[in-house]
Amino acid sequence: MISIRPAHVGEATQIATLHAEIWRDTYQDVAPIAAIAKLDAAHRLKTWQNHLSNLTSHQGVLVALNGATIVGFIAFGPPTQTVFEAHGEIKHLYVAPFCKRQKIGQRLIHEAFGQMAKDGFVTAALAVVQSNANARAFYANMQGVEIGSFVDAGPLWKSENIIVAWGIAAYKSG
C-alpha cells in the first residue's frame, strides 16, 4: 500500500538517491556526459538537505512510500523562474521505475495541486525536457496543456524545455 505524506529532512538521502538514479536513467542518452557524472546522489544530497531544511511558506515536498521506502516524490511552490509567471511551480516529480503505472505520480500531483490551491495558486506548471516523450504523454494524460517552451541554460546542460500547465482551483476544496 502506497502512502503519501510531507517529506522531512531526515529523508534527504533517500530522496537524493532516487532523484539521481531516475534522472540519470531518464536522460542518459540526451544529457552531456559531464552532467550525468556531476549530478550524482552526493551532489543532489546537498540540495535536498538545504531545501528540506529551509522550506518557506507555500513550498512543499511530498513523498510516496511503500512501507518505509520512498518510491516517489514531488516538490512544489512559488515560481523560481520568470517563464512560470504566476503559476505555482512543480519543481520535481519522480517515481521509481518499478512503481510506474500504479498511479503514484498522479496521486502526488493531485496532492500537490490541493496544497498549491489552498496556498492561493489558480494554476500550476512545470518544465519538462522536450525529448522526454514518456513524461509529456503522462502530463497530457493528466490534462496538462503545453503552453510554451524555453531553453534552460543550466550550469551543466542547456536543455530545450516545454512548459505544461493545469488549472488547479478545483483542488482547493479537495
C-alpha atoms as a PDB file:
ATOM      1  CA  MET A   1       0.000   0.000   0.000  1.00  0.00           C
ATOM      2  CA  ILE A   2       1.417   3.364  -1.033  1.00  0.00           C
ATOM      3  CA  SER A   3       1.073   6.280   1.389  1.00  0.00           C
ATOM      4  CA  ILE A   4       1.787   9.947   0.686  1.00  0.00           C
ATOM      5  CA  ARG A   5       2.901  12.486   3.256  1.00  0.00           C
ATOM      6  CA  PRO A   6       5.166  15.528   3.652  1.00  0.00           C
ATOM      7  CA  ALA A   7       8.882  14.787   3.479  1.00  0.00           C
ATOM      8  CA  HIS A   8      11.252  15.600   6.312  1.00  0.00           C
ATOM      9  CA  VAL A   9      14.929  16.498   6.305  1.00  0.00           C
ATOM     10  CA  GLY A  10      15.914  13.032   7.557  1.00  0.00           C
ATOM     11  CA  GLU A  11      14.776  11.652   4.203  1.00  0.00           C
ATOM     12  CA  ALA A  12      17.113  13.816   2.129  1.00  0.00           C
ATOM     13  CA  THR A  13      19.459  10.880   1.427  1.00  0.00           C
ATOM     14  CA  GLN A  14      16.664   8.628   0.123  1.00  0.00           C
ATOM     15  CA  ILE A  15      15.224  11.444  -1.989  1.00  0.00           C
ATOM     16  CA  ALA A  16      18.634  12.429  -3.401  1.00  0.00           C
ATOM     17  CA  THR A  17      19.480   8.833  -4.287  1.00  0.00           C
ATOM     18  CA  LEU A  18      16.145   8.240  -6.008  1.00  0.00           C
ATOM     19  CA  HIS A  19      16.385  11.607  -7.786  1.00  0.00           C
ATOM     20  CA  ALA A  20      19.882  10.869  -9.123  1.00  0.00           C
ATOM     21  CA  GLU A  21      19.018   7.325 -10.235  1.00  0.00           C
ATOM     22  CA  ILE A  22      15.839   8.267 -12.080  1.00  0.00           C
ATOM     23  CA  TRP A  23      17.307  11.431 -13.626  1.00  0.00           C
ATOM     24  CA  ARG A  24      20.359   9.566 -14.908  1.00  0.00           C
ATOM     25  CA  ASP A  25      18.238   6.738 -16.309  1.00  0.00           C
ATOM     26  CA  THR A  26      15.852   9.179 -17.995  1.00  0.00           C
ATOM     27  CA  TYR A  27      18.460  11.481 -19.516  1.00  0.00           C
ATOM     28  CA  GLN A  28      21.465   9.205 -20.069  1.00  0.00           C
ATOM     29  CA  ASP A  29      21.074   9.385 -23.850  1.00  0.00           C
ATOM     30  CA  VAL A  30      20.431  13.135 -24.122  1.00  0.00           C
ATOM     31  CA  ALA A  31      22.329  14.931 -21.345  1.00  0.00           C
ATOM     32  CA  PRO A  32      26.034  15.679 -21.689  1.00  0.00           C
ATOM     33  CA  ILE A  33      28.383  13.189 -20.067  1.00  0.00           C
ATOM     34  CA  ALA A  34      29.618  15.916 -17.691  1.00  0.00           C
ATOM     35  CA  ALA A  35      26.080  16.483 -16.386  1.00  0.00           C
ATOM     36  CA  ILE A  36      25.488  12.753 -15.916  1.00  0.00           C
ATOM     37  CA  ALA A  37      28.768  12.461 -13.990  1.00  0.00           C
ATOM     38  CA  LYS A  38      28.228  15.543 -11.813  1.00  0.00           C
ATOM     39  CA  LEU A  39      24.558  15.135 -10.900  1.00  0.00           C
ATOM     40  CA  ASP A  40      25.026  12.119  -8.675  1.00  0.00           C
ATOM     41  CA  ALA A  41      23.394  11.328  -5.325  1.00  0.00           C
ATOM     42  CA  ALA A  42      26.112  13.176  -3.361  1.00  0.00           C
ATOM     43  CA  HIS A  43      25.566  16.339  -5.395  1.00  0.00           C
ATOM     44  CA  ARG A  44      21.781  16.059  -5.075  1.00  0.00           C
ATOM     45  CA  LEU A  45      22.025  15.377  -1.315  1.00  0.00           C
ATOM     46  CA  LYS A  46      23.356  18.862  -0.563  1.00  0.00           C
ATOM     47  CA  THR A  47      20.490  20.429  -2.490  1.00  0.00           C
ATOM     48  CA  TRP A  48      17.830  18.266  -0.826  1.00  0.00           C
ATOM     49  CA  GLN A  49      19.206  18.791   2.689  1.00  0.00           C
ATOM     50  CA  ASN A  50      19.182  22.546   2.123  1.00  0.00           C
ATOM     51  CA  HIS A  51      15.719  22.545   0.541  1.00  0.00           C
ATOM     52  CA  LEU A  52      14.077  20.371   3.199  1.00  0.00           C
ATOM     53  CA  SER A  53      15.721  22.372   5.995  1.00  0.00           C
ATOM     54  CA  ASN A  54      14.574  25.706   4.616  1.00  0.00           C
ATOM     55  CA  LEU A  55      11.049  25.215   3.307  1.00  0.00           C
ATOM     56  CA  THR A  56       9.240  28.531   3.326  1.00  0.00           C
ATOM     57  CA  SER A  57       5.595  29.466   3.065  1.00  0.00           C
ATOM     58  CA  HIS A  58       3.798  27.898   0.099  1.00  0.00           C
ATOM     59  CA  GLN A  59       6.565  25.350  -0.571  1.00  0.00           C
ATOM     60  CA  GLY A  60       6.224  21.630  -0.117  1.00  0.00           C
ATOM     61  CA  VAL A  61       7.791  18.262  -0.728  1.00  0.00           C
ATOM     62  CA  LEU A  62       5.655  15.145  -0.601  1.00  0.00           C
ATOM     63  CA  VAL A  63       6.927  11.584  -0.641  1.00  0.00           C
ATOM     64  CA  ALA A  64       5.217   8.400  -1.753  1.00  0.00           C
ATOM     65  CA  LEU A  65       6.167   5.492   0.483  1.00  0.00           C
ATOM     66  CA  ASN A  66       5.958   1.758   0.086  1.00  0.00           C
ATOM     67  CA  GLY A  67       6.452   0.845   3.730  1.00  0.00           C
ATOM     68  CA  ALA A  68       9.495   2.872   4.781  1.00  0.00           C
ATOM     69  CA  THR A  69      10.918   3.133   1.260  1.00  0.00           C
ATOM     70  CA  ILE A  70      10.458   6.309  -0.745  1.00  0.00           C
ATOM     71  CA  VAL A  71       9.275   5.347  -4.223  1.00  0.00           C
ATOM     72  CA  GLY A  72       8.345   8.807  -5.462  1.00  0.00           C
ATOM     73  CA  PHE A  73       8.373  12.492  -4.598  1.00  0.00           C
ATOM     74  CA  ILE A  74       7.129  15.864  -5.730  1.00  0.00           C
ATOM     75  CA  ALA A  75       8.447  19.327  -4.845  1.00  0.00           C
ATOM     76  CA  PHE A  76       6.410  22.455  -5.492  1.00  0.00           C
ATOM     77  CA  GLY A  77       5.996  26.095  -4.591  1.00  0.00           C
ATOM     78  CA  PRO A  78       6.085  29.621  -5.925  1.00  0.00           C
ATOM     79  CA  PRO A  79       7.713  30.068  -9.339  1.00  0.00           C
ATOM     80  CA  THR A  80      11.503  30.245  -9.368  1.00  0.00           C
ATOM     81  CA  GLN A  81      11.866  31.341 -12.993  1.00  0.00           C
ATOM     82  CA  THR A  82      10.078  34.130 -14.837  1.00  0.00           C
ATOM     83  CA  VAL A  83       8.837  31.704 -17.532  1.00  0.00           C
ATOM     84  CA  PHE A  84       6.371  30.351 -14.967  1.00  0.00           C
ATOM     85  CA  GLU A  85       4.786  33.791 -14.485  1.00  0.00           C
ATOM     86  CA  ALA A  86       2.110  33.454 -11.742  1.00  0.00           C
ATOM     87  CA  HIS A  87       1.779  29.678 -11.987  1.00  0.00           C
ATOM     88  CA  GLY A  88       2.675  27.631  -8.948  1.00  0.00           C
ATOM     89  CA  GLU A  89       5.692  25.571  -9.984  1.00  0.00           C
ATOM     90  CA  ILE A  90       6.151  21.842  -9.758  1.00  0.00           C
ATOM     91  CA  LYS A  91       9.906  21.688  -9.441  1.00  0.00           C
ATOM     92  CA  HIS A  92      10.403  17.913  -9.328  1.00  0.00           C
ATOM     93  CA  LEU A  93       8.235  14.859  -9.876  1.00  0.00           C
ATOM     94  CA  TYR A  94       9.900  11.454  -9.855  1.00  0.00           C
ATOM     95  CA  VAL A  95       8.568   7.931  -9.417  1.00  0.00           C
ATOM     96  CA  ALA A  96      10.767   4.826  -9.220  1.00  0.00           C
ATOM     97  CA  PRO A  97      10.670   2.852 -12.482  1.00  0.00           C
ATOM     98  CA  PHE A  98       9.414  -0.308 -10.753  1.00  0.00           C
ATOM     99  CA  CYS A  99       6.415   1.684  -9.456  1.00  0.00           C
ATOM    100  CA  LYS A 100       5.345   3.265 -12.721  1.00  0.00           C
ATOM    101  CA  ARG A 101       1.788   2.750 -13.934  1.00  0.00           C
ATOM    102  CA  GLN A 102       0.483   2.439 -10.376  1.00  0.00           C
ATOM    103  CA  LYS A 103      -0.978   5.989 -10.293  1.00  0.00           C
ATOM    104  CA  ILE A 104       1.669   7.183  -7.824  1.00  0.00           C
ATOM    105  CA  GLY A 105       2.658  10.165  -9.969  1.00  0.00           C
ATOM    106  CA  GLN A 106      -0.995  11.042 -10.419  1.00  0.00           C
ATOM    107  CA  ARG A 107      -1.606  10.897  -6.671  1.00  0.00           C
ATOM    108  CA  LEU A 108       1.462  13.041  -5.957  1.00  0.00           C
ATOM    109  CA  ILE A 109       0.349  15.661  -8.480  1.00  0.00           C
ATOM    110  CA  HIS A 110      -3.197  15.759  -7.102  1.00  0.00           C
ATOM    111  CA  GLU A 111      -1.930  16.155  -3.518  1.00  0.00           C
ATOM    112  CA  ALA A 112       0.437  18.937  -4.589  1.00  0.00           C
ATOM    113  CA  PHE A 113      -2.332  20.680  -6.560  1.00  0.00           C
ATOM    114  CA  GLY A 114      -4.531  20.612  -3.453  1.00  0.00           C
ATOM    115  CA  GLN A 115      -1.857  22.249  -1.322  1.00  0.00           C
ATOM    116  CA  MET A 116      -0.983  24.772  -4.026  1.00  0.00           C
ATOM    117  CA  ALA A 117      -4.654  25.718  -4.474  1.00  0.00           C
ATOM    118  CA  LYS A 118      -5.023  26.213  -0.721  1.00  0.00           C
ATOM    119  CA  ASP A 119      -1.957  28.484  -0.899  1.00  0.00           C
ATOM    120  CA  GLY A 120      -3.768  30.660  -3.438  1.00  0.00           C
ATOM    121  CA  PHE A 121      -2.460  29.404  -6.754  1.00  0.00           C
ATOM    122  CA  VAL A 122      -5.072  29.124  -9.506  1.00  0.00           C
ATOM    123  CA  THR A 123      -2.736  27.379 -11.933  1.00  0.00           C
ATOM    124  CA  ALA A 124       0.307  25.153 -11.709  1.00  0.00           C
ATOM    125  CA  ALA A 125       3.037  24.456 -14.241  1.00  0.00           C
ATOM    126  CA  LEU A 126       6.229  22.515 -14.717  1.00  0.00           C
ATOM    127  CA  ALA A 127       9.069  22.267 -17.186  1.00  0.00           C
ATOM    128  CA  VAL A 128       9.781  19.005 -18.947  1.00  0.00           C
ATOM    129  CA  VAL A 129      12.700  18.326 -21.271  1.00  0.00           C
ATOM    130  CA  GLN A 130      11.336  18.378 -24.806  1.00  0.00           C
ATOM    131  CA  SER A 131      12.733  14.940 -25.660  1.00  0.00           C
ATOM    132  CA  ASN A 132      11.120  13.284 -22.612  1.00  0.00           C
ATOM    133  CA  ALA A 133       8.223  11.746 -24.539  1.00  0.00           C
ATOM    134  CA  ASN A 134       7.110   9.484 -21.675  1.00  0.00           C
ATOM    135  CA  ALA A 135       6.703  12.367 -19.231  1.00  0.00           C
ATOM    136  CA  ARG A 136       4.986  14.536 -21.831  1.00  0.00           C
ATOM    137  CA  ALA A 137       2.494  11.750 -22.558  1.00  0.00           C
ATOM    138  CA  PHE A 138       1.866  11.310 -18.819  1.00  0.00           C
ATOM    139  CA  TYR A 139       1.210  15.039 -18.360  1.00  0.00           C
ATOM    140  CA  ALA A 140      -1.107  15.112 -21.375  1.00  0.00           C
ATOM    141  CA  ASN A 141      -2.996  12.159 -19.900  1.00  0.00           C
ATOM    142  CA  MET A 142      -3.279  14.207 -16.680  1.00  0.00           C
ATOM    143  CA  GLN A 143      -4.929  17.008 -18.708  1.00  0.00           C
ATOM    144  CA  GLY A 144      -1.826  19.179 -18.708  1.00  0.00           C
ATOM    145  CA  VAL A 145      -1.623  21.682 -21.561  1.00  0.00           C
ATOM    146  CA  GLU A 146       1.669  22.552 -23.244  1.00  0.00           C
ATOM    147  CA  ILE A 147       1.664  26.350 -23.163  1.00  0.00           C
ATOM    148  CA  GLY A 148       5.178  27.339 -24.187  1.00  0.00           C
ATOM    149  CA  SER A 149       8.831  26.484 -24.292  1.00  0.00           C
ATOM    150  CA  PHE A 150      12.165  27.853 -23.141  1.00  0.00           C
ATOM    151  CA  VAL A 151      15.831  26.954 -23.033  1.00  0.00           C
ATOM    152  CA  ASP A 152      17.145  26.171 -19.578  1.00  0.00           C
ATOM    153  CA  ALA A 153      20.783  27.258 -19.752  1.00  0.00           C
ATOM    154  CA  GLY A 154      21.539  25.330 -16.538  1.00  0.00           C
ATOM    155  CA  PRO A 155      25.077  25.171 -15.240  1.00  0.00           C
ATOM    156  CA  LEU A 156      25.773  21.794 -16.880  1.00  0.00           C
ATOM    157  CA  TRP A 157      23.214  21.280 -19.636  1.00  0.00           C
ATOM    158  CA  LYS A 158      21.452  23.645 -22.000  1.00  0.00           C
ATOM    159  CA  SER A 159      18.126  21.839 -22.474  1.00  0.00           C
ATOM    160  CA  GLU A 160      15.038  22.594 -24.536  1.00  0.00           C
ATOM    161  CA  ASN A 161      12.007  22.534 -22.228  1.00  0.00           C
ATOM    162  CA  ILE A 162       8.243  22.537 -22.643  1.00  0.00           C
ATOM    163  CA  ILE A 163       6.023  24.271 -20.072  1.00  0.00           C
ATOM    164  CA  VAL A 164       2.980  22.216 -19.105  1.00  0.00           C
ATOM    165  CA  ALA A 165       0.168  23.882 -17.128  1.00  0.00           C
ATOM    166  CA  TRP A 166      -3.038  22.980 -15.305  1.00  0.00           C
ATOM    167  CA  GLY A 167      -5.919  24.878 -13.771  1.00  0.00           C
ATOM    168  CA  ILE A 168      -5.987  23.823 -10.117  1.00  0.00           C
ATOM    169  CA  ALA A 169      -8.662  25.986  -8.474  1.00  0.00           C
ATOM    170  CA  ALA A 170     -10.986  22.963  -8.194  1.00  0.00           C
ATOM    171  CA  TYR A 171      -8.443  21.239  -5.926  1.00  0.00           C
ATOM    172  CA  LYS A 172      -8.851  23.893  -3.215  1.00  0.00           C
ATOM    173  CA  SER A 173     -11.766  22.086  -1.592  1.00  0.00           C
ATOM    174  CA  GLY A 174     -10.387  18.614  -2.232  1.00  0.00           C
END
